[in-house]
Full PDB file with SEQRES, HELIX, SHEET, SSBOND, CRYST1, ORIGX, SCALE, CONECT and MASTER records, all heavy atoms in Angstrom:
SEQRES   1 A   33  ALA ALA LYS ARG GLY HIS GLY GLN ARG LEU VAL SER TYR          
SEQRES   2 A   33  ASN PRO GLY MET GLN PRO HIS LEU TRP TYR PHE LEU TYR          
SEQRES   3 A   33  THR THR HIS GLN ASP TYR LEU                                  
HELIX    1 AA1 PRO A   19  TRP A   22  1                                   4    
CRYST1    1.000    1.000    1.000  90.00  90.00  90.00 P 1           1          
ORIGX1      1.000000  0.000000  0.000000        0.00000                         
ORIGX2      0.000000  1.000000  0.000000        0.00000                         
ORIGX3      0.000000  0.000000  1.000000        0.00000                         
SCALE1      1.000000  0.000000  0.000000        0.00000                         
SCALE2      0.000000  1.000000  0.000000        0.00000                         
SCALE3      0.000000  0.000000  1.000000        0.00000                         
ATOM      1  N   ALA A   1     -34.712  48.269  -6.483  1.00  0.00           N  
ATOM      2  CA  ALA A   1     -33.889  49.302  -5.846  1.00  0.00           C  
ATOM      3  C   ALA A   1     -32.658  48.691  -5.193  1.00  0.00           C  
ATOM      4  O   ALA A   1     -31.563  49.261  -5.240  1.00  0.00           O  
ATOM      5  CB  ALA A   1     -34.721  50.064  -4.814  1.00  0.00           C  
ATOM      6  N   ALA A   2     -32.831  47.517  -4.609  1.00  0.00           N  
ATOM      7  CA  ALA A   2     -31.718  46.844  -3.940  1.00  0.00           C  
ATOM      8  C   ALA A   2     -30.664  46.331  -4.912  1.00  0.00           C  
ATOM      9  O   ALA A   2     -29.531  46.039  -4.517  1.00  0.00           O  
ATOM     10  CB  ALA A   2     -32.254  45.677  -3.108  1.00  0.00           C  
ATOM     11  N   LYS A   3     -31.007  46.207  -6.178  1.00  0.00           N  
ATOM     12  CA  LYS A   3     -30.075  45.688  -7.181  1.00  0.00           C  
ATOM     13  C   LYS A   3     -29.386  46.812  -7.965  1.00  0.00           C  
ATOM     14  O   LYS A   3     -28.572  46.530  -8.859  1.00  0.00           O  
ATOM     15  CB  LYS A   3     -30.837  44.805  -8.172  1.00  0.00           C  
ATOM     16  CG  LYS A   3     -31.535  43.605  -7.544  1.00  0.00           C  
ATOM     17  CD  LYS A   3     -30.667  42.379  -7.526  1.00  0.00           C  
ATOM     18  CE  LYS A   3     -31.451  41.155  -7.065  1.00  0.00           C  
ATOM     19  NZ  LYS A   3     -30.682  39.913  -7.165  1.00  0.00           N  
ATOM     20  N   ARG A   4     -29.709  48.066  -7.673  1.00  0.00           N  
ATOM     21  CA  ARG A   4     -29.087  49.153  -8.426  1.00  0.00           C  
ATOM     22  C   ARG A   4     -27.575  49.111  -8.281  1.00  0.00           C  
ATOM     23  O   ARG A   4     -27.046  48.917  -7.200  1.00  0.00           O  
ATOM     24  CB  ARG A   4     -29.613  50.511  -7.933  1.00  0.00           C  
ATOM     25  CG  ARG A   4     -31.055  50.783  -8.313  1.00  0.00           C  
ATOM     26  CD  ARG A   4     -31.507  52.141  -7.829  1.00  0.00           C  
ATOM     27  NE  ARG A   4     -32.959  52.265  -7.924  1.00  0.00           N  
ATOM     28  CZ  ARG A   4     -33.656  53.241  -7.374  1.00  0.00           C  
ATOM     29  NH1 ARG A   4     -33.038  54.192  -6.688  1.00  0.00           N  
ATOM     30  NH2 ARG A   4     -34.972  53.278  -7.498  1.00  0.00           N  
ATOM     31  N   GLY A   5     -26.913  49.274  -9.384  1.00  0.00           N  
ATOM     32  CA  GLY A   5     -25.459  49.278  -9.376  1.00  0.00           C  
ATOM     33  C   GLY A   5     -24.828  47.912  -9.431  1.00  0.00           C  
ATOM     34  O   GLY A   5     -23.614  47.791  -9.638  1.00  0.00           O  
ATOM     35  N   HIS A   6     -25.639  46.855  -9.247  1.00  0.00           N  
ATOM     36  CA  HIS A   6     -25.084  45.495  -9.273  1.00  0.00           C  
ATOM     37  C   HIS A   6     -26.241  44.503  -9.376  1.00  0.00           C  
ATOM     38  O   HIS A   6     -26.815  44.090  -8.374  1.00  0.00           O  
ATOM     39  CB  HIS A   6     -24.264  45.243  -8.013  1.00  0.00           C  
ATOM     40  CG  HIS A   6     -23.578  43.912  -7.965  1.00  0.00           C  
ATOM     41  ND1 HIS A   6     -23.283  43.173  -9.096  1.00  0.00           N  
ATOM     42  CD2 HIS A   6     -23.116  43.178  -6.911  1.00  0.00           C  
ATOM     43  CE1 HIS A   6     -22.676  42.062  -8.732  1.00  0.00           C  
ATOM     44  NE2 HIS A   6     -22.571  42.039  -7.426  1.00  0.00           N  
ATOM     45  N   GLY A   7     -26.567  44.115 -10.609  1.00  0.00           N  
ATOM     46  CA  GLY A   7     -27.720  43.260 -10.843  1.00  0.00           C  
ATOM     47  C   GLY A   7     -27.605  41.882 -10.240  1.00  0.00           C  
ATOM     48  O   GLY A   7     -28.615  41.212 -10.020  1.00  0.00           O  
ATOM     49  N   GLN A   8     -26.371  41.435  -9.938  1.00  0.00           N  
ATOM     50  CA  GLN A   8     -26.162  40.107  -9.362  1.00  0.00           C  
ATOM     51  C   GLN A   8     -26.043  40.147  -7.835  1.00  0.00           C  
ATOM     52  O   GLN A   8     -25.655  39.159  -7.218  1.00  0.00           O  
ATOM     53  CB  GLN A   8     -24.916  39.457  -9.966  1.00  0.00           C  
ATOM     54  CG  GLN A   8     -25.100  39.001 -11.398  1.00  0.00           C  
ATOM     55  CD  GLN A   8     -26.170  37.936 -11.518  1.00  0.00           C  
ATOM     56  OE1 GLN A   8     -26.138  36.906 -10.849  1.00  0.00           O  
ATOM     57  NE2 GLN A   8     -27.158  38.184 -12.375  1.00  0.00           N  
ATOM     58  N   ARG A   9     -26.373  41.282  -7.246  1.00  0.00           N  
ATOM     59  CA  ARG A   9     -26.361  41.390  -5.776  1.00  0.00           C  
ATOM     60  C   ARG A   9     -27.443  40.476  -5.201  1.00  0.00           C  
ATOM     61  O   ARG A   9     -28.567  40.415  -5.709  1.00  0.00           O  
ATOM     62  CB  ARG A   9     -26.601  42.835  -5.369  1.00  0.00           C  
ATOM     63  CG  ARG A   9     -26.540  43.080  -3.865  1.00  0.00           C  
ATOM     64  CD  ARG A   9     -26.773  44.544  -3.545  1.00  0.00           C  
ATOM     65  NE  ARG A   9     -25.688  45.370  -4.085  1.00  0.00           N  
ATOM     66  CZ  ARG A   9     -25.874  46.411  -4.882  1.00  0.00           C  
ATOM     67  NH1 ARG A   9     -27.093  46.765  -5.264  1.00  0.00           N  
ATOM     68  NH2 ARG A   9     -24.841  47.116  -5.311  1.00  0.00           N  
ATOM     69  N   LEU A  10     -27.136  39.780  -4.129  1.00  0.00           N  
ATOM     70  CA  LEU A  10     -28.079  38.868  -3.500  1.00  0.00           C  
ATOM     71  C   LEU A  10     -29.010  39.632  -2.558  1.00  0.00           C  
ATOM     72  O   LEU A  10     -28.579  40.541  -1.849  1.00  0.00           O  
ATOM     73  CB  LEU A  10     -27.336  37.781  -2.714  1.00  0.00           C  
ATOM     74  CG  LEU A  10     -26.337  36.932  -3.501  1.00  0.00           C  
ATOM     75  CD1 LEU A  10     -25.707  35.890  -2.584  1.00  0.00           C  
ATOM     76  CD2 LEU A  10     -27.021  36.255  -4.683  1.00  0.00           C  
ATOM     77  N   VAL A  11     -30.273  39.229  -2.536  1.00  0.00           N  
ATOM     78  CA  VAL A  11     -31.286  39.879  -1.710  1.00  0.00           C  
ATOM     79  C   VAL A  11     -32.084  38.810  -0.969  1.00  0.00           C  
ATOM     80  O   VAL A  11     -32.423  37.768  -1.546  1.00  0.00           O  
ATOM     81  CB  VAL A  11     -32.239  40.731  -2.573  1.00  0.00           C  
ATOM     82  CG1 VAL A  11     -33.416  41.248  -1.744  1.00  0.00           C  
ATOM     83  CG2 VAL A  11     -31.490  41.902  -3.207  1.00  0.00           C  
ATOM     84  N   SER A  12     -32.365  39.081   0.314  1.00  0.00           N  
ATOM     85  CA  SER A  12     -33.176  38.165   1.111  1.00  0.00           C  
ATOM     86  C   SER A  12     -34.129  38.961   1.995  1.00  0.00           C  
ATOM     87  O   SER A  12     -33.780  40.030   2.500  1.00  0.00           O  
ATOM     88  CB  SER A  12     -32.281  37.290   1.999  1.00  0.00           C  
ATOM     89  OG  SER A  12     -33.061  36.401   2.773  1.00  0.00           O  
ATOM     90  N   TYR A  13     -35.349  38.424   2.186  1.00  0.00           N  
ATOM     91  CA  TYR A  13     -36.330  39.009   3.099  1.00  0.00           C  
ATOM     92  C   TYR A  13     -36.602  38.019   4.227  1.00  0.00           C  
ATOM     93  O   TYR A  13     -36.893  36.848   3.972  1.00  0.00           O  
ATOM     94  CB  TYR A  13     -37.637  39.322   2.365  1.00  0.00           C  
ATOM     95  CG  TYR A  13     -37.501  40.373   1.291  1.00  0.00           C  
ATOM     96  CD1 TYR A  13     -37.494  40.022  -0.064  1.00  0.00           C  
ATOM     97  CD2 TYR A  13     -37.374  41.723   1.624  1.00  0.00           C  
ATOM     98  CE1 TYR A  13     -37.367  40.995  -1.052  1.00  0.00           C  
ATOM     99  CE2 TYR A  13     -37.243  42.695   0.637  1.00  0.00           C  
ATOM    100  CZ  TYR A  13     -37.248  42.326  -0.693  1.00  0.00           C  
ATOM    101  OH  TYR A  13     -37.108  43.291  -1.667  1.00  0.00           O  
ATOM    102  N   ASN A  14     -36.525  38.499   5.443  1.00  0.00           N  
ATOM    103  CA  ASN A  14     -36.656  37.631   6.610  1.00  0.00           C  
ATOM    104  C   ASN A  14     -38.104  37.543   7.086  1.00  0.00           C  
ATOM    105  O   ASN A  14     -38.637  38.511   7.632  1.00  0.00           O  
ATOM    106  CB  ASN A  14     -35.783  38.189   7.747  1.00  0.00           C  
ATOM    107  CG  ASN A  14     -35.889  37.357   9.010  1.00  0.00           C  
ATOM    108  OD1 ASN A  14     -36.063  36.148   8.943  1.00  0.00           O  
ATOM    109  ND2 ASN A  14     -35.801  38.018  10.164  1.00  0.00           N  
ATOM    110  N   PRO A  15     -38.757  36.386   6.939  1.00  0.00           N  
ATOM    111  CA  PRO A  15     -40.145  36.259   7.400  1.00  0.00           C  
ATOM    112  C   PRO A  15     -40.259  35.940   8.886  1.00  0.00           C  
ATOM    113  O   PRO A  15     -41.363  35.898   9.420  1.00  0.00           O  
ATOM    114  CB  PRO A  15     -40.690  35.109   6.540  1.00  0.00           C  
ATOM    115  CG  PRO A  15     -39.507  34.300   6.209  1.00  0.00           C  
ATOM    116  CD  PRO A  15     -38.311  35.208   6.192  1.00  0.00           C  
ATOM    117  N   GLY A  16     -39.131  35.691   9.569  1.00  0.00           N  
ATOM    118  CA  GLY A  16     -39.180  35.409  10.997  1.00  0.00           C  
ATOM    119  C   GLY A  16     -38.029  34.535  11.434  1.00  0.00           C  
ATOM    120  O   GLY A  16     -37.297  33.974  10.616  1.00  0.00           O  
ATOM    121  N   MET A  17     -37.866  34.414  12.768  1.00  0.00           N  
ATOM    122  CA  MET A  17     -36.674  33.778  13.305  1.00  0.00           C  
ATOM    123  C   MET A  17     -36.721  32.253  13.326  1.00  0.00           C  
ATOM    124  O   MET A  17     -35.689  31.599  13.239  1.00  0.00           O  
ATOM    125  CB  MET A  17     -36.401  34.302  14.722  1.00  0.00           C  
ATOM    126  CG  MET A  17     -35.106  33.786  15.328  1.00  0.00           C  
ATOM    127  SD  MET A  17     -34.757  34.438  16.971  1.00  0.00           S  
ATOM    128  CE  MET A  17     -34.275  36.111  16.566  1.00  0.00           C  
ATOM    129  N   GLN A  18     -37.891  31.656  13.443  1.00  0.00           N  
ATOM    130  CA  GLN A  18     -37.971  30.212  13.625  1.00  0.00           C  
ATOM    131  C   GLN A  18     -38.178  29.466  12.306  1.00  0.00           C  
ATOM    132  O   GLN A  18     -38.752  30.005  11.354  1.00  0.00           O  
ATOM    133  CB  GLN A  18     -39.108  29.886  14.593  1.00  0.00           C  
ATOM    134  CG  GLN A  18     -38.907  30.482  15.977  1.00  0.00           C  
ATOM    135  CD  GLN A  18     -37.613  30.039  16.632  1.00  0.00           C  
ATOM    136  OE1 GLN A  18     -37.188  28.899  16.457  1.00  0.00           O  
ATOM    137  NE2 GLN A  18     -36.975  30.931  17.384  1.00  0.00           N  
ATOM    138  N   PRO A  19     -37.732  28.195  12.243  1.00  0.00           N  
ATOM    139  CA  PRO A  19     -37.838  27.430  10.993  1.00  0.00           C  
ATOM    140  C   PRO A  19     -39.241  27.342  10.411  1.00  0.00           C  
ATOM    141  O   PRO A  19     -39.395  27.301   9.190  1.00  0.00           O  
ATOM    142  CB  PRO A  19     -37.318  26.042  11.399  1.00  0.00           C  
ATOM    143  CG  PRO A  19     -36.350  26.317  12.508  1.00  0.00           C  
ATOM    144  CD  PRO A  19     -36.949  27.461  13.270  1.00  0.00           C  
ATOM    145  N   HIS A  20     -40.279  27.333  11.244  1.00  0.00           N  
ATOM    146  CA  HIS A  20     -41.633  27.219  10.696  1.00  0.00           C  
ATOM    147  C   HIS A  20     -42.054  28.489   9.966  1.00  0.00           C  
ATOM    148  O   HIS A  20     -43.075  28.496   9.277  1.00  0.00           O  
ATOM    149  CB  HIS A  20     -42.640  26.881  11.799  1.00  0.00           C  
ATOM    150  CG  HIS A  20     -42.904  27.990  12.773  1.00  0.00           C  
ATOM    151  ND1 HIS A  20     -42.073  28.264  13.832  1.00  0.00           N  
ATOM    152  CD2 HIS A  20     -43.906  28.901  12.836  1.00  0.00           C  
ATOM    153  CE1 HIS A  20     -42.552  29.291  14.515  1.00  0.00           C  
ATOM    154  NE2 HIS A  20     -43.655  29.704  13.934  1.00  0.00           N  
ATOM    155  N   LEU A  21     -41.268  29.573  10.097  1.00  0.00           N  
ATOM    156  CA  LEU A  21     -41.549  30.816   9.393  1.00  0.00           C  
ATOM    157  C   LEU A  21     -40.660  31.011   8.175  1.00  0.00           C  
ATOM    158  O   LEU A  21     -40.999  31.799   7.281  1.00  0.00           O  
ATOM    159  CB  LEU A  21     -41.353  32.013  10.338  1.00  0.00           C  
ATOM    160  CG  LEU A  21     -42.156  32.027  11.629  1.00  0.00           C  
ATOM    161  CD1 LEU A  21     -41.684  33.176  12.518  1.00  0.00           C  
ATOM    162  CD2 LEU A  21     -43.639  32.165  11.351  1.00  0.00           C  
ATOM    163  N   TRP A  22     -39.531  30.338   8.126  1.00  0.00           N  
ATOM    164  CA  TRP A  22     -38.471  30.626   7.163  1.00  0.00           C  
ATOM    165  C   TRP A  22     -38.935  30.609   5.709  1.00  0.00           C  
ATOM    166  O   TRP A  22     -38.447  31.392   4.901  1.00  0.00           O  
ATOM    167  CB  TRP A  22     -37.357  29.606   7.289  1.00  0.00           C  
ATOM    168  CG  TRP A  22     -36.444  29.814   8.451  1.00  0.00           C  
ATOM    169  CD1 TRP A  22     -36.377  30.888   9.286  1.00  0.00           C  
ATOM    170  CD2 TRP A  22     -35.454  28.885   8.903  1.00  0.00           C  
ATOM    171  NE1 TRP A  22     -35.407  30.698  10.232  1.00  0.00           N  
ATOM    172  CE2 TRP A  22     -34.830  29.478  10.021  1.00  0.00           C  
ATOM    173  CE3 TRP A  22     -35.043  27.626   8.485  1.00  0.00           C  
ATOM    174  CZ2 TRP A  22     -33.801  28.839  10.714  1.00  0.00           C  
ATOM    175  CZ3 TRP A  22     -34.024  26.996   9.174  1.00  0.00           C  
ATOM    176  CH2 TRP A  22     -33.404  27.595  10.275  1.00  0.00           C  
ATOM    177  N   TYR A  23     -39.804  29.705   5.358  1.00  0.00           N  
ATOM    178  CA  TYR A  23     -40.023  29.399   3.948  1.00  0.00           C  
ATOM    179  C   TYR A  23     -41.168  30.193   3.311  1.00  0.00           C  
ATOM    180  O   TYR A  23     -41.452  30.013   2.132  1.00  0.00           O  
ATOM    181  CB  TYR A  23     -40.230  27.891   3.778  1.00  0.00           C  
ATOM    182  CG  TYR A  23     -39.071  27.113   4.373  1.00  0.00           C  
ATOM    183  CD1 TYR A  23     -39.250  26.303   5.495  1.00  0.00           C  
ATOM    184  CD2 TYR A  23     -37.789  27.242   3.864  1.00  0.00           C  
ATOM    185  CE1 TYR A  23     -38.180  25.628   6.064  1.00  0.00           C  
ATOM    186  CE2 TYR A  23     -36.710  26.578   4.423  1.00  0.00           C  
ATOM    187  CZ  TYR A  23     -36.911  25.773   5.529  1.00  0.00           C  
ATOM    188  OH  TYR A  23     -35.848  25.118   6.095  1.00  0.00           O  
ATOM    189  N   PHE A  24     -41.789  31.072   4.099  1.00  0.00           N  
ATOM    190  CA  PHE A  24     -42.806  31.941   3.515  1.00  0.00           C  
ATOM    191  C   PHE A  24     -42.129  32.964   2.600  1.00  0.00           C  
ATOM    192  O   PHE A  24     -41.083  33.523   2.930  1.00  0.00           O  
ATOM    193  CB  PHE A  24     -43.592  32.680   4.605  1.00  0.00           C  
ATOM    194  CG  PHE A  24     -44.600  33.639   4.050  1.00  0.00           C  
ATOM    195  CD1 PHE A  24     -45.830  33.194   3.604  1.00  0.00           C  
ATOM    196  CD2 PHE A  24     -44.304  34.994   3.924  1.00  0.00           C  
ATOM    197  CE1 PHE A  24     -46.762  34.071   3.077  1.00  0.00           C  
ATOM    198  CE2 PHE A  24     -45.227  35.884   3.395  1.00  0.00           C  
ATOM    199  CZ  PHE A  24     -46.459  35.422   2.970  1.00  0.00           C  
ATOM    200  N   LEU A  25     -42.745  33.229   1.462  1.00  0.00           N  
ATOM    201  CA  LEU A  25     -42.198  34.180   0.497  1.00  0.00           C  
ATOM    202  C   LEU A  25     -43.109  35.403   0.389  1.00  0.00           C  
ATOM    203  O   LEU A  25     -44.254  35.287  -0.040  1.00  0.00           O  
ATOM    204  CB  LEU A  25     -42.062  33.532  -0.882  1.00  0.00           C  
ATOM    205  CG  LEU A  25     -41.033  32.410  -1.029  1.00  0.00           C  
ATOM    206  CD1 LEU A  25     -41.158  31.756  -2.402  1.00  0.00           C  
ATOM    207  CD2 LEU A  25     -39.623  32.950  -0.833  1.00  0.00           C  
ATOM    208  N   TYR A  26     -42.588  36.561   0.799  1.00  0.00           N  
ATOM    209  CA  TYR A  26     -43.307  37.804   0.515  1.00  0.00           C  
ATOM    210  C   TYR A  26     -43.274  38.105  -0.977  1.00  0.00           C  
ATOM    211  O   TYR A  26     -44.170  38.741  -1.514  1.00  0.00           O  
ATOM    212  CB  TYR A  26     -42.692  38.961   1.300  1.00  0.00           C  
ATOM    213  CG  TYR A  26     -43.026  38.914   2.770  1.00  0.00           C  
ATOM    214  CD1 TYR A  26     -42.131  38.339   3.680  1.00  0.00           C  
ATOM    215  CD2 TYR A  26     -44.224  39.407   3.248  1.00  0.00           C  
ATOM    216  CE1 TYR A  26     -42.443  38.272   5.030  1.00  0.00           C  
ATOM    217  CE2 TYR A  26     -44.547  39.352   4.589  1.00  0.00           C  
ATOM    218  CZ  TYR A  26     -43.654  38.779   5.474  1.00  0.00           C  
ATOM    219  OH  TYR A  26     -43.959  38.699   6.820  1.00  0.00           O  
ATOM    220  N   THR A  27     -42.229  37.631  -1.617  1.00  0.00           N  
ATOM    221  CA  THR A  27     -42.080  37.776  -3.061  1.00  0.00           C  
ATOM    222  C   THR A  27     -41.086  36.734  -3.553  1.00  0.00           C  
ATOM    223  O   THR A  27     -40.183  36.318  -2.811  1.00  0.00           O  
ATOM    224  CB  THR A  27     -41.579  39.188  -3.436  1.00  0.00           C  
ATOM    225  OG1 THR A  27     -41.320  39.243  -4.843  1.00  0.00           O  
ATOM    226  CG2 THR A  27     -40.292  39.542  -2.698  1.00  0.00           C  
ATOM    227  N   THR A  28     -41.242  36.316  -4.788  1.00  0.00           N  
ATOM    228  CA  THR A  28     -40.245  35.436  -5.397  1.00  0.00           C  
ATOM    229  C   THR A  28     -39.033  36.235  -5.872  1.00  0.00           C  
ATOM    230  O   THR A  28     -38.040  35.643  -6.291  1.00  0.00           O  
ATOM    231  CB  THR A  28     -40.853  34.691  -6.594  1.00  0.00           C  
ATOM    232  OG1 THR A  28     -41.350  35.649  -7.545  1.00  0.00           O  
ATOM    233  CG2 THR A  28     -41.988  33.775  -6.145  1.00  0.00           C  
ATOM    234  N   HIS A  29     -39.107  37.561  -5.781  1.00  0.00           N  
ATOM    235  CA  HIS A  29     -38.015  38.421  -6.239  1.00  0.00           C  
ATOM    236  C   HIS A  29     -36.960  38.569  -5.139  1.00  0.00           C  
ATOM    237  O   HIS A  29     -36.738  39.645  -4.588  1.00  0.00           O  
ATOM    238  CB  HIS A  29     -38.559  39.786  -6.666  1.00  0.00           C  
ATOM    239  CG  HIS A  29     -39.349  39.737  -7.929  1.00  0.00           C  
ATOM    240  ND1 HIS A  29     -39.324  40.731  -8.880  1.00  0.00           N  
ATOM    241  CD2 HIS A  29     -40.196  38.795  -8.427  1.00  0.00           C  
ATOM    242  CE1 HIS A  29     -40.107  40.411  -9.897  1.00  0.00           C  
ATOM    243  NE2 HIS A  29     -40.659  39.241  -9.631  1.00  0.00           N  
ATOM    244  N   GLN A  30     -36.350  37.449  -4.810  1.00  0.00           N  
ATOM    245  CA  GLN A  30     -35.252  37.401  -3.857  1.00  0.00           C  
ATOM    246  C   GLN A  30     -34.417  36.184  -4.184  1.00  0.00           C  
ATOM    247  O   GLN A  30     -34.817  35.343  -4.989  1.00  0.00           O  
ATOM    248  CB  GLN A  30     -35.758  37.367  -2.422  1.00  0.00           C  
ATOM    249  CG  GLN A  30     -36.709  36.222  -2.098  1.00  0.00           C  
ATOM    250  CD  GLN A  30     -37.200  36.278  -0.674  1.00  0.00           C  
ATOM    251  OE1 GLN A  30     -36.435  36.359   0.275  1.00  0.00           O  
ATOM    252  NE2 GLN A  30     -38.529  36.257  -0.509  1.00  0.00           N  
ATOM    253  N   ASP A  31     -33.238  36.070  -3.533  1.00  0.00           N  
ATOM    254  CA  ASP A  31     -32.252  35.113  -4.014  1.00  0.00           C  
ATOM    255  C   ASP A  31     -31.826  34.049  -3.016  1.00  0.00           C  
ATOM    256  O   ASP A  31     -31.420  32.960  -3.418  1.00  0.00           O  
ATOM    257  CB  ASP A  31     -31.002  35.876  -4.471  1.00  0.00           C  
ATOM    258  CG  ASP A  31     -31.338  36.982  -5.443  1.00  0.00           C  
ATOM    259  OD1 ASP A  31     -31.828  36.662  -6.536  1.00  0.00           O  
ATOM    260  OD2 ASP A  31     -31.145  38.168  -5.103  1.00  0.00           O  
ATOM    261  N   TYR A  32     -31.866  34.349  -1.721  1.00  0.00           N  
ATOM    262  CA  TYR A  32     -31.403  33.364  -0.746  1.00  0.00           C  
ATOM    263  C   TYR A  32     -32.261  33.418   0.506  1.00  0.00           C  
ATOM    264  O   TYR A  32     -32.940  34.406   0.777  1.00  0.00           O  
ATOM    265  CB  TYR A  32     -29.921  33.557  -0.414  1.00  0.00           C  
ATOM    266  CG  TYR A  32     -29.583  34.792   0.395  1.00  0.00           C  
ATOM    267  CD1 TYR A  32     -29.305  34.710   1.763  1.00  0.00           C  
ATOM    268  CD2 TYR A  32     -29.507  36.054  -0.204  1.00  0.00           C  
ATOM    269  CE1 TYR A  32     -28.974  35.841   2.499  1.00  0.00           C  
ATOM    270  CE2 TYR A  32     -29.167  37.176   0.524  1.00  0.00           C  
ATOM    271  CZ  TYR A  32     -28.913  37.069   1.869  1.00  0.00           C  
ATOM    272  OH  TYR A  32     -28.591  38.192   2.603  1.00  0.00           O  
ATOM    273  N   LEU A  33     -32.232  32.326   1.261  1.00  0.00           N  
ATOM    274  CA  LEU A  33     -33.046  32.178   2.455  1.00  0.00           C  
ATOM    275  C   LEU A  33     -32.453  33.018   3.591  1.00  0.00           C  
ATOM    276  O   LEU A  33     -31.249  32.985   3.835  1.00  0.00           O  
ATOM    277  CB  LEU A  33     -33.097  30.710   2.871  1.00  0.00           C  
ATOM    278  CG  LEU A  33     -34.058  30.348   3.994  1.00  0.00           C  
ATOM    279  CD1 LEU A  33     -35.489  30.312   3.465  1.00  0.00           C  
ATOM    280  CD2 LEU A  33     -33.690  28.993   4.601  1.00  0.00           C  
TER     281      LEU A  33                                                      
MASTER        0    0    0    1    0    0    0    6  280    1    0    3          
END                                                                             
């Protein structure tokens, strides 16, 4: 849904504010940290 109208649009999901949380992936279907 987030890519509608522009397949190359970048998408990111925020797992939390601190570095020890950053690298968790709710899904691999995202593009940047």
